[in-house]
Amino acid sequence: MTSELRSITGQRAVPANPPTETPECEASTCSGISTPEPAELHNAWPSWVPLLVIAVMVVCCAGFAVGRIAGW
């Protein structure tokens, strides 16, 4: 009868002991398999090179869109 009363009122039973947290080392499925990244990769390209590539892609896509609209 108590469980019926709880389901009717919407109250949940409070556990006697709070749950313990999972240690951080056990929380991830990929823990221990990652390898550190070499410092050389951080300085492989100057910061303006990726921005230039993105800018070229944007100009090409915008030019293509304008050309398609103008040719229609």
PDB file of N, CA and C in Angstrom:
ATOM      1  N   MET A   1       0.815  -1.183   0.000  1.00  0.00           N
ATOM      2  CA  MET A   1       0.000   0.000   0.000  1.00  0.00           C
ATOM      3  C   MET A   1       0.867   1.258   0.000  1.00  0.00           C
ATOM      4  N   THR A   2       2.027   1.179   0.603  1.00  0.00           N
ATOM      5  CA  THR A   2       2.898   2.346   0.646  1.00  0.00           C
ATOM      6  C   THR A   2       3.382   2.713  -0.753  1.00  0.00           C
ATOM      7  N   SER A   3       3.760   1.711  -1.563  1.00  0.00           N
ATOM      8  CA  SER A   3       4.229   2.001  -2.912  1.00  0.00           C
ATOM      9  C   SER A   3       3.102   2.568  -3.764  1.00  0.00           C
ATOM     10  N   GLU A   4       1.876   2.113  -3.531  1.00  0.00           N
ATOM     11  CA  GLU A   4       0.740   2.676  -4.269  1.00  0.00           C
ATOM     12  C   GLU A   4       0.535   4.141  -3.887  1.00  0.00           C
ATOM     13  N   LEU A   5       0.701   4.431  -2.610  1.00  0.00           N
ATOM     14  CA  LEU A   5       0.520   5.798  -2.142  1.00  0.00           C
ATOM     15  C   LEU A   5       1.602   6.706  -2.715  1.00  0.00           C
ATOM     16  N   ARG A   6       2.868   6.193  -2.815  1.00  0.00           N
ATOM     17  CA  ARG A   6       3.950   6.982  -3.377  1.00  0.00           C
ATOM     18  C   ARG A   6       3.703   7.275  -4.854  1.00  0.00           C
ATOM     19  N   SER A   7       3.223   6.293  -5.602  1.00  0.00           N
ATOM     20  CA  SER A   7       3.000   6.520  -7.020  1.00  0.00           C
ATOM     21  C   SER A   7       1.851   7.492  -7.247  1.00  0.00           C
ATOM     22  N   ILE A   8       0.911   7.520  -6.348  1.00  0.00           N
ATOM     23  CA  ILE A   8      -0.207   8.442  -6.490  1.00  0.00           C
ATOM     24  C   ILE A   8       0.236   9.865  -6.184  1.00  0.00           C
ATOM     25  N   THR A   9       1.015  10.044  -5.128  1.00  0.00           N
ATOM     26  CA  THR A   9       1.425  11.393  -4.730  1.00  0.00           C
ATOM     27  C   THR A   9       2.628  11.897  -5.519  1.00  0.00           C
ATOM     28  N   GLY A  10       3.362  11.022  -6.210  1.00  0.00           N
ATOM     29  CA  GLY A  10       4.502  11.439  -7.004  1.00  0.00           C
ATOM     30  C   GLY A  10       5.779  11.591  -6.206  1.00  0.00           C
ATOM     31  N   GLN A  11       5.821  11.133  -4.973  1.00  0.00           N
ATOM     32  CA  GLN A  11       7.040  11.237  -4.166  1.00  0.00           C
ATOM     33  C   GLN A  11       7.915  10.022  -4.420  1.00  0.00           C
ATOM     34  N   ARG A  12       9.219  10.257  -4.362  1.00  0.00           N
ATOM     35  CA  ARG A  12      10.172   9.161  -4.524  1.00  0.00           C
ATOM     36  C   ARG A  12      10.768   8.813  -3.175  1.00  0.00           C
ATOM     37  N   ALA A  13      11.128   7.549  -3.040  1.00  0.00           N
ATOM     38  CA  ALA A  13      11.779   7.115  -1.811  1.00  0.00           C
ATOM     39  C   ALA A  13      13.202   7.657  -1.781  1.00  0.00           C
ATOM     40  N   VAL A  14      13.649   8.140  -0.653  1.00  0.00           N
ATOM     41  CA  VAL A  14      14.995   8.679  -0.494  1.00  0.00           C
ATOM     42  C   VAL A  14      15.900   7.547  -0.038  1.00  0.00           C
ATOM     43  N   PRO A  15      17.030   7.303  -0.756  1.00  0.00           N
ATOM     44  CA  PRO A  15      17.925   6.226  -0.331  1.00  0.00           C
ATOM     45  C   PRO A  15      18.579   6.564   1.010  1.00  0.00           C
ATOM     46  N   ALA A  16      18.858   5.514   1.786  1.00  0.00           N
ATOM     47  CA  ALA A  16      19.462   5.706   3.097  1.00  0.00           C
ATOM     48  C   ALA A  16      20.886   6.247   2.958  1.00  0.00           C
ATOM     49  N   ASN A  17      21.657   5.748   1.985  1.00  0.00           N
ATOM     50  CA  ASN A  17      23.025   6.207   1.747  1.00  0.00           C
ATOM     51  C   ASN A  17      23.079   6.880   0.378  1.00  0.00           C
ATOM     52  N   PRO A  18      23.680   8.053   0.275  1.00  0.00           N
ATOM     53  CA  PRO A  18      23.786   8.687  -1.039  1.00  0.00           C
ATOM     54  C   PRO A  18      24.701   7.855  -1.947  1.00  0.00           C
ATOM     55  N   PRO A  19      24.459   7.863  -3.249  1.00  0.00           N
ATOM     56  CA  PRO A  19      25.317   7.081  -4.141  1.00  0.00           C
ATOM     57  C   PRO A  19      26.722   7.677  -4.197  1.00  0.00           C
ATOM     58  N   THR A  20      27.686   6.816  -4.343  1.00  0.00           N
ATOM     59  CA  THR A  20      29.067   7.291  -4.430  1.00  0.00           C
ATOM     60  C   THR A  20      29.375   7.652  -5.874  1.00  0.00           C
ATOM     61  N   GLU A  21      30.279   8.610  -6.054  1.00  0.00           N
ATOM     62  CA  GLU A  21      30.643   9.030  -7.401  1.00  0.00           C
ATOM     63  C   GLU A  21      31.635   8.049  -8.002  1.00  0.00           C
ATOM     64  N   THR A  22      31.538   7.898  -9.309  1.00  0.00           N
ATOM     65  CA  THR A  22      32.491   7.058 -10.013  1.00  0.00           C
ATOM     66  C   THR A  22      33.812   7.810 -10.111  1.00  0.00           C
ATOM     67  N   PRO A  23      34.913   7.177  -9.784  1.00  0.00           N
ATOM     68  CA  PRO A  23      36.206   7.859  -9.909  1.00  0.00           C
ATOM     69  C   PRO A  23      36.442   8.288 -11.349  1.00  0.00           C
ATOM     70  N   GLU A  24      37.138   9.407 -11.516  1.00  0.00           N
ATOM     71  CA  GLU A  24      37.335   9.966 -12.851  1.00  0.00           C
ATOM     72  C   GLU A  24      38.066   8.999 -13.769  1.00  0.00           C
ATOM     73  N   CYS A  25      38.979   8.237 -13.230  1.00  0.00           N
ATOM     74  CA  CYS A  25      39.737   7.318 -14.061  1.00  0.00           C
ATOM     75  C   CYS A  25      38.882   6.167 -14.572  1.00  0.00           C
ATOM     76  N   GLU A  26      37.757   5.883 -13.934  1.00  0.00           N
ATOM     77  CA  GLU A  26      36.885   4.799 -14.368  1.00  0.00           C
ATOM     78  C   GLU A  26      35.671   5.306 -15.133  1.00  0.00           C
ATOM     79  N   ALA A  27      35.487   6.608 -15.195  1.00  0.00           N
ATOM     80  CA  ALA A  27      34.277   7.152 -15.792  1.00  0.00           C
ATOM     81  C   ALA A  27      34.312   7.119 -17.313  1.00  0.00           C
ATOM     82  N   SER A  28      35.475   7.127 -17.910  1.00  0.00           N
ATOM     83  CA  SER A  28      35.576   7.190 -19.359  1.00  0.00           C
ATOM     84  C   SER A  28      35.893   5.816 -19.922  1.00  0.00           C
ATOM     85  N   THR A  29      35.298   5.527 -21.068  1.00  0.00           N
ATOM     86  CA  THR A  29      35.591   4.249 -21.709  1.00  0.00           C
ATOM     87  C   THR A  29      36.921   4.274 -22.427  1.00  0.00           C
ATOM     88  N   CYS A  30      37.468   5.466 -22.661  1.00  0.00           N
ATOM     89  CA  CYS A  30      38.739   5.562 -23.372  1.00  0.00           C
ATOM     90  C   CYS A  30      39.871   6.004 -22.450  1.00  0.00           C
ATOM     91  N   SER A  31      39.710   5.829 -21.161  1.00  0.00           N
ATOM     92  CA  SER A  31      40.777   6.261 -20.258  1.00  0.00           C
ATOM     93  C   SER A  31      41.999   5.368 -20.438  1.00  0.00           C
ATOM     94  N   GLY A  32      43.135   5.990 -20.467  1.00  0.00           N
ATOM     95  CA  GLY A  32      44.373   5.247 -20.572  1.00  0.00           C
ATOM     96  C   GLY A  32      44.797   4.902 -21.980  1.00  0.00           C
ATOM     97  N   ILE A  33      43.979   5.208 -23.002  1.00  0.00           N
ATOM     98  CA  ILE A  33      44.371   4.851 -24.350  1.00  0.00           C
ATOM     99  C   ILE A  33      44.765   6.072 -25.173  1.00  0.00           C
ATOM    100  N   SER A  34      44.602   7.261 -24.629  1.00  0.00           N
ATOM    101  CA  SER A  34      44.976   8.449 -25.389  1.00  0.00           C
ATOM    102  C   SER A  34      46.485   8.669 -25.297  1.00  0.00           C
ATOM    103  N   THR A  35      47.032   9.192 -26.363  1.00  0.00           N
ATOM    104  CA  THR A  35      48.461   9.483 -26.380  1.00  0.00           C
ATOM    105  C   THR A  35      48.650  10.987 -26.420  1.00  0.00           C
ATOM    106  N   PRO A  36      49.663  11.500 -25.752  1.00  0.00           N
ATOM    107  CA  PRO A  36      49.883  12.952 -25.780  1.00  0.00           C
ATOM    108  C   PRO A  36      50.262  13.417 -27.178  1.00  0.00           C
ATOM    109  N   GLU A  37      49.838  14.615 -27.519  1.00  0.00           N
ATOM    110  CA  GLU A  37      50.124  15.179 -28.840  1.00  0.00           C
ATOM    111  C   GLU A  37      51.490  15.845 -28.823  1.00  0.00           C
ATOM    112  N   PRO A  38      52.308  15.597 -29.834  1.00  0.00           N
ATOM    113  CA  PRO A  38      53.624  16.235 -29.863  1.00  0.00           C
ATOM    114  C   PRO A  38      53.506  17.754 -29.978  1.00  0.00           C
ATOM    115  N   ALA A  39      54.457  18.453 -29.403  1.00  0.00           N
ATOM    116  CA  ALA A  39      54.432  19.918 -29.423  1.00  0.00           C
ATOM    117  C   ALA A  39      54.611  20.462 -30.832  1.00  0.00           C
ATOM    118  N   GLU A  40      55.235  19.703 -31.719  1.00  0.00           N
ATOM    119  CA  GLU A  40      55.440  20.164 -33.085  1.00  0.00           C
ATOM    120  C   GLU A  40      54.120  20.386 -33.811  1.00  0.00           C
ATOM    121  N   LEU A  41      53.105  19.603 -33.481  1.00  0.00           N
ATOM    122  CA  LEU A  41      51.819  19.745 -34.162  1.00  0.00           C
ATOM    123  C   LEU A  41      51.117  21.044 -33.791  1.00  0.00           C
ATOM    124  N   HIS A  42      51.420  21.594 -32.646  1.00  0.00           N
ATOM    125  CA  HIS A  42      50.791  22.848 -32.240  1.00  0.00           C
ATOM    126  C   HIS A  42      51.299  24.025 -33.074  1.00  0.00           C
ATOM    127  N   ASN A  43      52.513  23.906 -33.575  1.00  0.00           N
ATOM    128  CA  ASN A  43      53.116  24.993 -34.339  1.00  0.00           C
ATOM    129  C   ASN A  43      53.304  24.621 -35.804  1.00  0.00           C
ATOM    130  N   ALA A  44      52.529  23.667 -36.305  1.00  0.00           N
ATOM    131  CA  ALA A  44      52.728  23.185 -37.668  1.00  0.00           C
ATOM    132  C   ALA A  44      52.381  24.245 -38.699  1.00  0.00           C
ATOM    133  N   TRP A  45      51.330  25.020 -38.495  1.00  0.00           N
ATOM    134  CA  TRP A  45      50.908  26.051 -39.436  1.00  0.00           C
ATOM    135  C   TRP A  45      50.837  27.385 -38.719  1.00  0.00           C
ATOM    136  N   PRO A  46      51.202  28.463 -39.390  1.00  0.00           N
ATOM    137  CA  PRO A  46      50.942  29.786 -38.801  1.00  0.00           C
ATOM    138  C   PRO A  46      49.426  29.990 -38.695  1.00  0.00           C
ATOM    139  N   SER A  47      49.011  30.864 -37.836  1.00  0.00           N
ATOM    140  CA  SER A  47      47.584  31.012 -37.574  1.00  0.00           C
ATOM    141  C   SER A  47      46.815  31.582 -38.764  1.00  0.00           C
ATOM    142  N   TRP A  48      47.476  32.264 -39.697  1.00  0.00           N
ATOM    143  CA  TRP A  48      46.755  32.865 -40.822  1.00  0.00           C
ATOM    144  C   TRP A  48      46.500  31.876 -41.950  1.00  0.00           C
ATOM    145  N   VAL A  49      47.197  30.748 -41.995  1.00  0.00           N
ATOM    146  CA  VAL A  49      47.018  29.781 -43.084  1.00  0.00           C
ATOM    147  C   VAL A  49      45.629  29.142 -43.049  1.00  0.00           C
ATOM    148  N   PRO A  50      45.158  28.618 -41.917  1.00  0.00           N
ATOM    149  CA  PRO A  50      43.805  28.064 -41.915  1.00  0.00           C
ATOM    150  C   PRO A  50      42.741  29.123 -42.217  1.00  0.00           C
ATOM    151  N   LEU A  51      42.956  30.348 -41.738  1.00  0.00           N
ATOM    152  CA  LEU A  51      42.000  31.417 -42.034  1.00  0.00           C
ATOM    153  C   LEU A  51      41.973  31.735 -43.525  1.00  0.00           C
ATOM    154  N   LEU A  52      43.131  31.697 -44.173  1.00  0.00           N
ATOM    155  CA  LEU A  52      43.200  31.936 -45.605  1.00  0.00           C
ATOM    156  C   LEU A  52      42.472  30.825 -46.367  1.00  0.00           C
ATOM    157  N   VAL A  53      42.658  29.602 -45.957  1.00  0.00           N
ATOM    158  CA  VAL A  53      41.962  28.480 -46.606  1.00  0.00           C
ATOM    159  C   VAL A  53      40.450  28.624 -46.445  1.00  0.00           C
ATOM    160  N   ILE A  54      39.989  28.982 -45.259  1.00  0.00           N
ATOM    161  CA  ILE A  54      38.554  29.182 -45.028  1.00  0.00           C
ATOM    162  C   ILE A  54      38.034  30.334 -45.873  1.00  0.00           C
ATOM    163  N   ALA A  55      38.796  31.424 -45.957  1.00  0.00           N
ATOM    164  CA  ALA A  55      38.372  32.579 -46.751  1.00  0.00           C
ATOM    165  C   ALA A  55      38.269  32.216 -48.227  1.00  0.00           C
ATOM    166  N   VAL A  56      39.207  31.447 -48.742  1.00  0.00           N
ATOM    167  CA  VAL A  56      39.163  31.022 -50.147  1.00  0.00           C
ATOM    168  C   VAL A  56      37.936  30.149 -50.396  1.00  0.00           C
ATOM    169  N   MET A  57      37.647  29.249 -49.478  1.00  0.00           N
ATOM    170  CA  MET A  57      36.468  28.385 -49.619  1.00  0.00           C
ATOM    171  C   MET A  57      35.180  29.204 -49.611  1.00  0.00           C
ATOM    172  N   VAL A  58      35.100  30.193 -48.733  1.00  0.00           N
ATOM    173  CA  VAL A  58      33.904  31.035 -48.656  1.00  0.00           C
ATOM    174  C   VAL A  58      33.734  31.833 -49.939  1.00  0.00           C
ATOM    175  N   VAL A  59      34.818  32.408 -50.450  1.00  0.00           N
ATOM    176  CA  VAL A  59      34.743  33.177 -51.697  1.00  0.00           C
ATOM    177  C   VAL A  59      34.327  32.278 -52.858  1.00  0.00           C
ATOM    178  N   CYS A  60      34.870  31.076 -52.915  1.00  0.00           N
ATOM    179  CA  CYS A  60      34.494  30.143 -53.990  1.00  0.00           C
ATOM    180  C   CYS A  60      33.020  29.767 -53.903  1.00  0.00           C
ATOM    181  N   CYS A  61      32.545  29.450 -52.721  1.00  0.00           N
ATOM    182  CA  CYS A  61      31.132  29.077 -52.557  1.00  0.00           C
ATOM    183  C   CYS A  61      30.215  30.250 -52.864  1.00  0.00           C
ATOM    184  N   ALA A  62      30.564  31.437 -52.397  1.00  0.00           N
ATOM    185  CA  ALA A  62      29.740  32.608 -52.668  1.00  0.00           C
ATOM    186  C   ALA A  62      29.761  32.935 -54.156  1.00  0.00           C
ATOM    187  N   GLY A  63      30.920  32.838 -54.803  1.00  0.00           N
ATOM    188  CA  GLY A  63      31.009  33.066 -56.244  1.00  0.00           C
ATOM    189  C   GLY A  63      30.192  32.063 -57.031  1.00  0.00           C
ATOM    190  N   PHE A  64      30.239  30.823 -56.616  1.00  0.00           N
ATOM    191  CA  PHE A  64      29.443  29.792 -57.286  1.00  0.00           C
ATOM    192  C   PHE A  64      27.948  30.087 -57.140  1.00  0.00           C
ATOM    193  N   ALA A  65      27.524  30.461 -55.930  1.00  0.00           N
ATOM    194  CA  ALA A  65      26.109  30.759 -55.696  1.00  0.00           C
ATOM    195  C   ALA A  65      25.671  31.968 -56.527  1.00  0.00           C
ATOM    196  N   VAL A  66      26.480  33.016 -56.558  1.00  0.00           N
ATOM    197  CA  VAL A  66      26.136  34.204 -57.342  1.00  0.00           C
ATOM    198  C   VAL A  66      26.108  33.851 -58.827  1.00  0.00           C
ATOM    199  N   GLY A  67      27.042  33.056 -59.286  1.00  0.00           N
ATOM    200  CA  GLY A  67      27.065  32.635 -60.684  1.00  0.00           C
ATOM    201  C   GLY A  67      25.852  31.796 -61.058  1.00  0.00           C
ATOM    202  N   ARG A  68      25.439  30.927 -60.175  1.00  0.00           N
ATOM    203  CA  ARG A  68      24.241  30.103 -60.449  1.00  0.00           C
ATOM    204  C   ARG A  68      22.992  30.984 -60.516  1.00  0.00           C
ATOM    205  N   ILE A  69      22.908  31.938 -59.601  1.00  0.00           N
ATOM    206  CA  ILE A  69      21.736  32.821 -59.590  1.00  0.00           C
ATOM    207  C   ILE A  69      21.754  33.715 -60.825  1.00  0.00           C
ATOM    208  N   ALA A  70      22.902  34.248 -61.191  1.00  0.00           N
ATOM    209  CA  ALA A  70      23.014  35.132 -62.350  1.00  0.00           C
ATOM    210  C   ALA A  70      22.778  34.371 -63.651  1.00  0.00           C
ATOM    211  N   GLY A  71      23.179  33.115 -63.692  1.00  0.00           N
ATOM    212  CA  GLY A  71      22.995  32.309 -64.902  1.00  0.00           C
ATOM    213  C   GLY A  71      21.597  31.742 -65.046  1.00  0.00           C
ATOM    214  N   TRP A  72      20.784  31.878 -64.071  1.00  0.00           N
ATOM    215  CA  TRP A  72      19.428  31.343 -64.113  1.00  0.00           C
ATOM    216  C   TRP A  72      18.573  32.247 -64.897  1.00  0.00           C
TER     217      TRP A  72
END
